[in-house]
């Protein structure tokens, strides 16, 4: 596979994608082009550590791409195709939101479809949150209510279809609960699998 890089005097060269990051390529701080050409994009995060974000999305960068976290300015430096960077930017904007003691986690799905699992998890935890709202909060030894501990805090459950994974932004307790739930749901089907069957 090849990509285009701009050389001296405005000339464009075709180079193998695995060598693209070693050539001078265009970089962008704001909007970047939606193309198959390799570019570098700087993304400054507001609410989440660049190191934490890099650990979550590193598996979504293409093999020929590169991802680097710069903690001093809390910035991600991504080199990849414009199309994949566009996908990563949309994902990062979804995850980079303010929340109390939330962490980022990525859970690979082996047998099931990540989109279906995400839908089930969202539905189950929404119902649990509604049930918890009607119950009195537990109180600590000092008699103070533990508001944040009793209600699961899940801000985002995003399925990534390319890697068939779930990307979570939630409290530590909720992430543990989701992992247990995924283990129960993500199992091979007994017998023949598939969605279309013909019966005579």
C-alpha atoms as a PDB file:
ATOM      1  CA  UNK A   1       0.000   0.000   0.000  1.00  0.00           C
ATOM      2  CA  UNK A   2       1.152   3.523  -0.800  1.00  0.00           C
ATOM      3  CA  UNK A   3       0.297   7.060   0.245  1.00  0.00           C
ATOM      4  CA  UNK A   4       1.134  10.528  -1.066  1.00  0.00           C
ATOM      5  CA  UNK A   5       3.617  12.879   0.616  1.00  0.00           C
ATOM      6  CA  UNK A   6       4.521  16.356  -0.525  1.00  0.00           C
ATOM      7  CA  UNK A   7       8.150  16.934  -1.452  1.00  0.00           C
ATOM      8  CA  UNK A   8      10.232  19.989  -2.439  1.00  0.00           C
ATOM      9  CA  UNK A   9       8.792  22.495  -4.929  1.00  0.00           C
ATOM     10  CA  UNK A  10       5.267  21.246  -4.267  1.00  0.00           C
ATOM     11  CA  UNK A  11       5.864  17.878  -5.906  1.00  0.00           C
ATOM     12  CA  UNK A  12       4.006  14.848  -4.560  1.00  0.00           C
ATOM     13  CA  UNK A  13       5.636  11.451  -4.136  1.00  0.00           C
ATOM     14  CA  UNK A  14       4.184   7.976  -3.740  1.00  0.00           C
ATOM     15  CA  UNK A  15       5.796   6.157  -0.814  1.00  0.00           C
ATOM     16  CA  UNK A  16       4.923   2.887   0.958  1.00  0.00           C
ATOM     17  CA  UNK A  17       2.598   3.530   3.902  1.00  0.00           C
ATOM     18  CA  UNK A  18       5.027   1.838   6.316  1.00  0.00           C
ATOM     19  CA  UNK A  19       7.607   4.538   5.425  1.00  0.00           C
ATOM     20  CA  UNK A  20       5.197   7.490   5.458  1.00  0.00           C
ATOM     21  CA  UNK A  21       5.832   8.544   9.071  1.00  0.00           C
ATOM     22  CA  UNK A  22       9.542   9.005   8.340  1.00  0.00           C
ATOM     23  CA  UNK A  23       8.790  11.575   5.588  1.00  0.00           C
ATOM     24  CA  UNK A  24       7.744  15.218   6.059  1.00  0.00           C
ATOM     25  CA  UNK A  25       3.928  15.140   6.019  1.00  0.00           C
ATOM     26  CA  UNK A  26       1.305  17.812   6.618  1.00  0.00           C
ATOM     27  CA  UNK A  27       0.125  18.352  10.168  1.00  0.00           C
ATOM     28  CA  UNK A  28      -3.048  20.007  11.427  1.00  0.00           C
ATOM     29  CA  UNK A  29      -4.178  21.494  14.753  1.00  0.00           C
ATOM     30  CA  UNK A  30      -7.844  21.968  13.930  1.00  0.00           C
ATOM     31  CA  UNK A  31      -9.762  20.514  10.994  1.00  0.00           C
ATOM     32  CA  UNK A  32      -7.924  17.919   8.915  1.00  0.00           C
ATOM     33  CA  UNK A  33      -8.764  16.577   5.435  1.00  0.00           C
ATOM     34  CA  UNK A  34     -10.891  13.455   5.000  1.00  0.00           C
ATOM     35  CA  UNK A  35      -8.630  11.495   2.650  1.00  0.00           C
ATOM     36  CA  UNK A  36      -6.512   8.346   2.405  1.00  0.00           C
ATOM     37  CA  UNK A  37      -3.345  10.468   2.525  1.00  0.00           C
ATOM     38  CA  UNK A  38      -1.185  10.214   5.657  1.00  0.00           C
ATOM     39  CA  UNK A  39      -1.230  13.322   7.847  1.00  0.00           C
ATOM     40  CA  UNK A  40      -0.377  14.291  11.427  1.00  0.00           C
ATOM     41  CA  UNK A  41      -3.087  15.721  13.690  1.00  0.00           C
ATOM     42  CA  UNK A  42      -2.640  17.422  17.076  1.00  0.00           C
ATOM     43  CA  UNK A  43      -5.563  16.967  19.477  1.00  0.00           C
ATOM     44  CA  UNK A  44      -5.572  18.781  22.822  1.00  0.00           C
ATOM     45  CA  UNK A  45      -7.732  17.149  25.498  1.00  0.00           C
ATOM     46  CA  UNK A  46      -9.703  19.128  28.079  1.00  0.00           C
ATOM     47  CA  UNK A  47     -10.955  16.634  30.658  1.00  0.00           C
ATOM     48  CA  UNK A  48      -9.055  13.357  30.253  1.00  0.00           C
ATOM     49  CA  UNK A  49      -5.350  12.643  30.500  1.00  0.00           C
ATOM     50  CA  UNK A  50      -3.641  12.289  27.116  1.00  0.00           C
ATOM     51  CA  UNK A  51      -1.825   9.192  28.418  1.00  0.00           C
ATOM     52  CA  UNK A  52      -5.109   7.538  29.431  1.00  0.00           C
ATOM     53  CA  UNK A  53      -6.701   8.358  26.077  1.00  0.00           C
ATOM     54  CA  UNK A  54      -3.665   7.048  24.186  1.00  0.00           C
ATOM     55  CA  UNK A  55      -3.824   3.728  26.056  1.00  0.00           C
ATOM     56  CA  UNK A  56      -7.475   3.333  25.083  1.00  0.00           C
ATOM     57  CA  UNK A  57      -7.297   4.222  21.374  1.00  0.00           C
ATOM     58  CA  UNK A  58      -3.845   2.867  20.505  1.00  0.00           C
ATOM     59  CA  UNK A  59      -5.422  -0.312  19.145  1.00  0.00           C
ATOM     60  CA  UNK A  60      -7.559   1.758  16.752  1.00  0.00           C
ATOM     61  CA  UNK A  61      -4.584   3.359  14.976  1.00  0.00           C
ATOM     62  CA  UNK A  62      -3.588   1.589  11.756  1.00  0.00           C
ATOM     63  CA  UNK A  63      -0.456  -0.583  11.677  1.00  0.00           C
ATOM     64  CA  UNK A  64       1.420   2.002   9.615  1.00  0.00           C
ATOM     65  CA  UNK A  65       0.252   4.905  11.800  1.00  0.00           C
ATOM     66  CA  UNK A  66       1.665   6.317  14.996  1.00  0.00           C
ATOM     67  CA  UNK A  67       0.258   7.661  18.273  1.00  0.00           C
ATOM     68  CA  UNK A  68       2.118   9.755  20.824  1.00  0.00           C
ATOM     69  CA  UNK A  69       0.883  11.401  24.021  1.00  0.00           C
ATOM     70  CA  UNK A  70       2.514  14.691  25.088  1.00  0.00           C
ATOM     71  CA  UNK A  71       1.549  15.177  28.767  1.00  0.00           C
ATOM     72  CA  UNK A  72       3.026  18.698  29.078  1.00  0.00           C
ATOM     73  CA  UNK A  73       0.188  20.198  27.019  1.00  0.00           C
ATOM     74  CA  UNK A  74      -2.144  17.171  27.394  1.00  0.00           C
ATOM     75  CA  UNK A  75      -2.051  16.641  23.637  1.00  0.00           C
ATOM     76  CA  UNK A  76      -2.264  13.602  21.383  1.00  0.00           C
ATOM     77  CA  UNK A  77      -0.124  13.485  18.244  1.00  0.00           C
ATOM     78  CA  UNK A  78      -1.604  11.068  15.706  1.00  0.00           C
ATOM     79  CA  UNK A  79      -0.118  10.155  12.341  1.00  0.00           C
ATOM     80  CA  UNK A  80      -2.476   8.131  10.178  1.00  0.00           C
ATOM     81  CA  UNK A  81      -4.718   8.401   7.138  1.00  0.00           C
ATOM     82  CA  UNK A  82      -7.091  11.367   7.149  1.00  0.00           C
ATOM     83  CA  UNK A  83     -10.100   9.040   7.172  1.00  0.00           C
ATOM     84  CA  UNK A  84      -8.955   7.084  10.218  1.00  0.00           C
ATOM     85  CA  UNK A  85      -7.964  10.267  12.056  1.00  0.00           C
ATOM     86  CA  UNK A  86     -11.453  11.640  11.398  1.00  0.00           C
ATOM     87  CA  UNK A  87     -12.926   8.514  13.023  1.00  0.00           C
ATOM     88  CA  UNK A  88     -10.570   8.832  15.998  1.00  0.00           C
ATOM     89  CA  UNK A  89     -11.339  12.539  16.451  1.00  0.00           C
ATOM     90  CA  UNK A  90     -15.083  11.840  16.620  1.00  0.00           C
ATOM     91  CA  UNK A  91     -14.453   9.113  19.183  1.00  0.00           C
ATOM     92  CA  UNK A  92     -12.125  11.307  21.263  1.00  0.00           C
ATOM     93  CA  UNK A  93     -14.687  14.117  21.345  1.00  0.00           C
ATOM     94  CA  UNK A  94     -17.297  11.666  22.625  1.00  0.00           C
ATOM     95  CA  UNK A  95     -14.997  10.466  25.399  1.00  0.00           C
ATOM     96  CA  UNK A  96     -13.358  13.762  26.407  1.00  0.00           C
ATOM     97  CA  UNK A  97     -16.203  14.901  28.649  1.00  0.00           C
ATOM     98  CA  UNK A  98     -16.226  15.999  32.252  1.00  0.00           C
ATOM     99  CA  UNK A  99     -17.265  13.435  34.840  1.00  0.00           C
ATOM    100  CA  UNK A 100     -16.579  12.502  38.497  1.00  0.00           C
ATOM    101  CA  UNK A 101     -13.726   9.996  38.867  1.00  0.00           C
ATOM    102  CA  UNK A 102     -14.381   8.342  35.521  1.00  0.00           C
ATOM    103  CA  UNK A 103     -11.943   6.099  33.693  1.00  0.00           C
ATOM    104  CA  UNK A 104     -11.539   4.967  30.104  1.00  0.00           C
ATOM    105  CA  UNK A 105     -11.588   1.272  29.308  1.00  0.00           C
ATOM    106  CA  UNK A 106     -11.696  -0.822  26.134  1.00  0.00           C
ATOM    107  CA  UNK A 107     -13.200  -4.330  26.183  1.00  0.00           C
ATOM    108  CA  UNK A 108     -12.752  -6.629  23.149  1.00  0.00           C
ATOM    109  CA  UNK A 109     -15.784  -8.708  22.162  1.00  0.00           C
ATOM    110  CA  UNK A 110     -14.926 -12.214  20.920  1.00  0.00           C
ATOM    111  CA  UNK A 111     -18.127 -13.995  19.901  1.00  0.00           C
ATOM    112  CA  UNK A 112     -20.959 -11.456  19.908  1.00  0.00           C
ATOM    113  CA  UNK A 113     -21.463  -8.207  18.007  1.00  0.00           C
ATOM    114  CA  UNK A 114     -20.130  -5.152  19.873  1.00  0.00           C
ATOM    115  CA  UNK A 115     -23.058  -3.013  18.747  1.00  0.00           C
ATOM    116  CA  UNK A 116     -25.589  -5.496  20.187  1.00  0.00           C
ATOM    117  CA  UNK A 117     -23.661  -5.809  23.471  1.00  0.00           C
ATOM    118  CA  UNK A 118     -23.467  -2.008  23.805  1.00  0.00           C
ATOM    119  CA  UNK A 119     -27.219  -1.720  23.306  1.00  0.00           C
ATOM    120  CA  UNK A 120     -27.939  -4.362  25.961  1.00  0.00           C
ATOM    121  CA  UNK A 121     -25.542  -2.808  28.476  1.00  0.00           C
ATOM    122  CA  UNK A 122     -27.023   0.657  27.990  1.00  0.00           C
ATOM    123  CA  UNK A 123     -30.542  -0.704  28.469  1.00  0.00           C
ATOM    124  CA  UNK A 124     -29.669  -2.781  31.564  1.00  0.00           C
ATOM    125  CA  UNK A 125     -27.805   0.000  33.360  1.00  0.00           C
ATOM    126  CA  UNK A 126     -30.480   2.572  32.486  1.00  0.00           C
ATOM    127  CA  UNK A 127     -33.073   0.340  34.148  1.00  0.00           C
ATOM    128  CA  UNK A 128     -30.848  -0.191  37.188  1.00  0.00           C
ATOM    129  CA  UNK A 129     -30.255   3.543  37.538  1.00  0.00           C
ATOM    130  CA  UNK A 130     -34.033   4.165  37.446  1.00  0.00           C
ATOM    131  CA  UNK A 131     -34.543   1.538  40.158  1.00  0.00           C
ATOM    132  CA  UNK A 132     -31.814   3.049  42.342  1.00  0.00           C
ATOM    133  CA  UNK A 133     -33.365   6.509  42.141  1.00  0.00           C
ATOM    134  CA  UNK A 134     -36.455   5.267  43.950  1.00  0.00           C
ATOM    135  CA  UNK A 135     -34.446   3.744  46.824  1.00  0.00           C
ATOM    136  CA  UNK A 136     -32.919   5.618  49.774  1.00  0.00           C
ATOM    137  CA  UNK A 137     -29.153   6.040  49.532  1.00  0.00           C
ATOM    138  CA  UNK A 138     -26.981   3.952  51.826  1.00  0.00           C
ATOM    139  CA  UNK A 139     -25.376   5.806  54.667  1.00  0.00           C
ATOM    140  CA  UNK A 140     -21.836   5.552  55.900  1.00  0.00           C
ATOM    141  CA  UNK A 141     -20.790   4.993  59.515  1.00  0.00           C
ATOM    142  CA  UNK A 142     -20.948   8.742  60.037  1.00  0.00           C
ATOM    143  CA  UNK A 143     -24.506   8.879  58.789  1.00  0.00           C
ATOM    144  CA  UNK A 144     -23.693  10.604  55.500  1.00  0.00           C
ATOM    145  CA  UNK A 145     -25.263   9.312  52.278  1.00  0.00           C
ATOM    146  CA  UNK A 146     -22.877   7.835  49.712  1.00  0.00           C
ATOM    147  CA  UNK A 147     -24.500   9.360  46.654  1.00  0.00           C
ATOM    148  CA  UNK A 148     -21.915   8.435  44.049  1.00  0.00           C
ATOM    149  CA  UNK A 149     -21.368   4.839  45.207  1.00  0.00           C
ATOM    150  CA  UNK A 150     -24.891   3.441  44.886  1.00  0.00           C
ATOM    151  CA  UNK A 151     -25.866   4.660  41.415  1.00  0.00           C
ATOM    152  CA  UNK A 152     -23.767   3.286  38.506  1.00  0.00           C
ATOM    153  CA  UNK A 153     -22.019   6.088  36.647  1.00  0.00           C
ATOM    154  CA  UNK A 154     -21.788   5.297  32.938  1.00  0.00           C
ATOM    155  CA  UNK A 155     -21.293   8.235  30.621  1.00  0.00           C
ATOM    156  CA  UNK A 156     -20.481   6.516  27.328  1.00  0.00           C
ATOM    157  CA  UNK A 157     -20.664   3.000  25.888  1.00  0.00           C
ATOM    158  CA  UNK A 158     -19.374   3.206  22.319  1.00  0.00           C
ATOM    159  CA  UNK A 159     -19.087   0.146  20.049  1.00  0.00           C
ATOM    160  CA  UNK A 160     -16.148   0.162  17.640  1.00  0.00           C
ATOM    161  CA  UNK A 161     -17.209  -1.982  14.696  1.00  0.00           C
ATOM    162  CA  UNK A 162     -13.747  -2.120  13.141  1.00  0.00           C
ATOM    163  CA  UNK A 163     -12.185  -3.931  16.130  1.00  0.00           C
ATOM    164  CA  UNK A 164     -15.493  -5.291  17.534  1.00  0.00           C
ATOM    165  CA  UNK A 165     -14.730  -3.694  20.895  1.00  0.00           C
ATOM    166  CA  UNK A 166     -16.555  -1.635  23.516  1.00  0.00           C
ATOM    167  CA  UNK A 167     -15.081   1.701  24.557  1.00  0.00           C
ATOM    168  CA  UNK A 168     -16.275   2.775  28.010  1.00  0.00           C
ATOM    169  CA  UNK A 169     -16.221   6.019  29.934  1.00  0.00           C
ATOM    170  CA  UNK A 170     -17.527   5.172  33.386  1.00  0.00           C
ATOM    171  CA  UNK A 171     -16.744   4.934  37.087  1.00  0.00           C
ATOM    172  CA  UNK A 172     -14.412   2.152  38.261  1.00  0.00           C
ATOM    173  CA  UNK A 173     -17.267   0.271  39.886  1.00  0.00           C
ATOM    174  CA  UNK A 174     -19.364   0.423  36.732  1.00  0.00           C
ATOM    175  CA  UNK A 175     -16.482  -0.823  34.563  1.00  0.00           C
ATOM    176  CA  UNK A 176     -16.118  -3.852  36.828  1.00  0.00           C
ATOM    177  CA  UNK A 177     -19.865  -4.527  36.599  1.00  0.00           C
ATOM    178  CA  UNK A 178     -19.774  -4.205  32.803  1.00  0.00           C
ATOM    179  CA  UNK A 179     -16.868  -6.669  32.544  1.00  0.00           C
ATOM    180  CA  UNK A 180     -18.877  -9.251  34.490  1.00  0.00           C
ATOM    181  CA  UNK A 181     -21.907  -8.639  32.284  1.00  0.00           C
ATOM    182  CA  UNK A 182     -19.844  -8.907  29.072  1.00  0.00           C
ATOM    183  CA  UNK A 183     -18.454 -12.273  30.182  1.00  0.00           C
ATOM    184  CA  UNK A 184     -22.024 -13.547  30.536  1.00  0.00           C
ATOM    185  CA  UNK A 185     -23.200 -12.144  27.196  1.00  0.00           C
ATOM    186  CA  UNK A 186     -20.120 -12.752  25.040  1.00  0.00           C
ATOM    187  CA  UNK A 187     -20.376 -16.514  24.582  1.00  0.00           C
ATOM    188  CA  UNK A 188     -20.422 -18.730  21.480  1.00  0.00           C
ATOM    189  CA  UNK A 189     -23.842 -19.817  20.277  1.00  0.00           C
ATOM    190  CA  UNK A 190     -24.705 -23.472  20.788  1.00  0.00           C
ATOM    191  CA  UNK A 191     -25.155 -25.368  17.519  1.00  0.00           C
ATOM    192  CA  UNK A 192     -25.141 -23.673  14.129  1.00  0.00           C
ATOM    193  CA  UNK A 193     -24.617 -19.921  14.154  1.00  0.00           C
ATOM    194  CA  UNK A 194     -25.988 -17.394  11.706  1.00  0.00           C
ATOM    195  CA  UNK A 195     -29.008 -15.206  11.235  1.00  0.00           C
ATOM    196  CA  UNK A 196     -30.581 -16.857   8.154  1.00  0.00           C
ATOM    197  CA  UNK A 197     -31.966 -20.391   8.237  1.00  0.00           C
ATOM    198  CA  UNK A 198     -34.014 -22.200   5.607  1.00  0.00           C
ATOM    199  CA  UNK A 199     -36.660 -24.676   6.796  1.00  0.00           C
ATOM    200  CA  UNK A 200     -38.452 -26.899   4.273  1.00  0.00           C
END
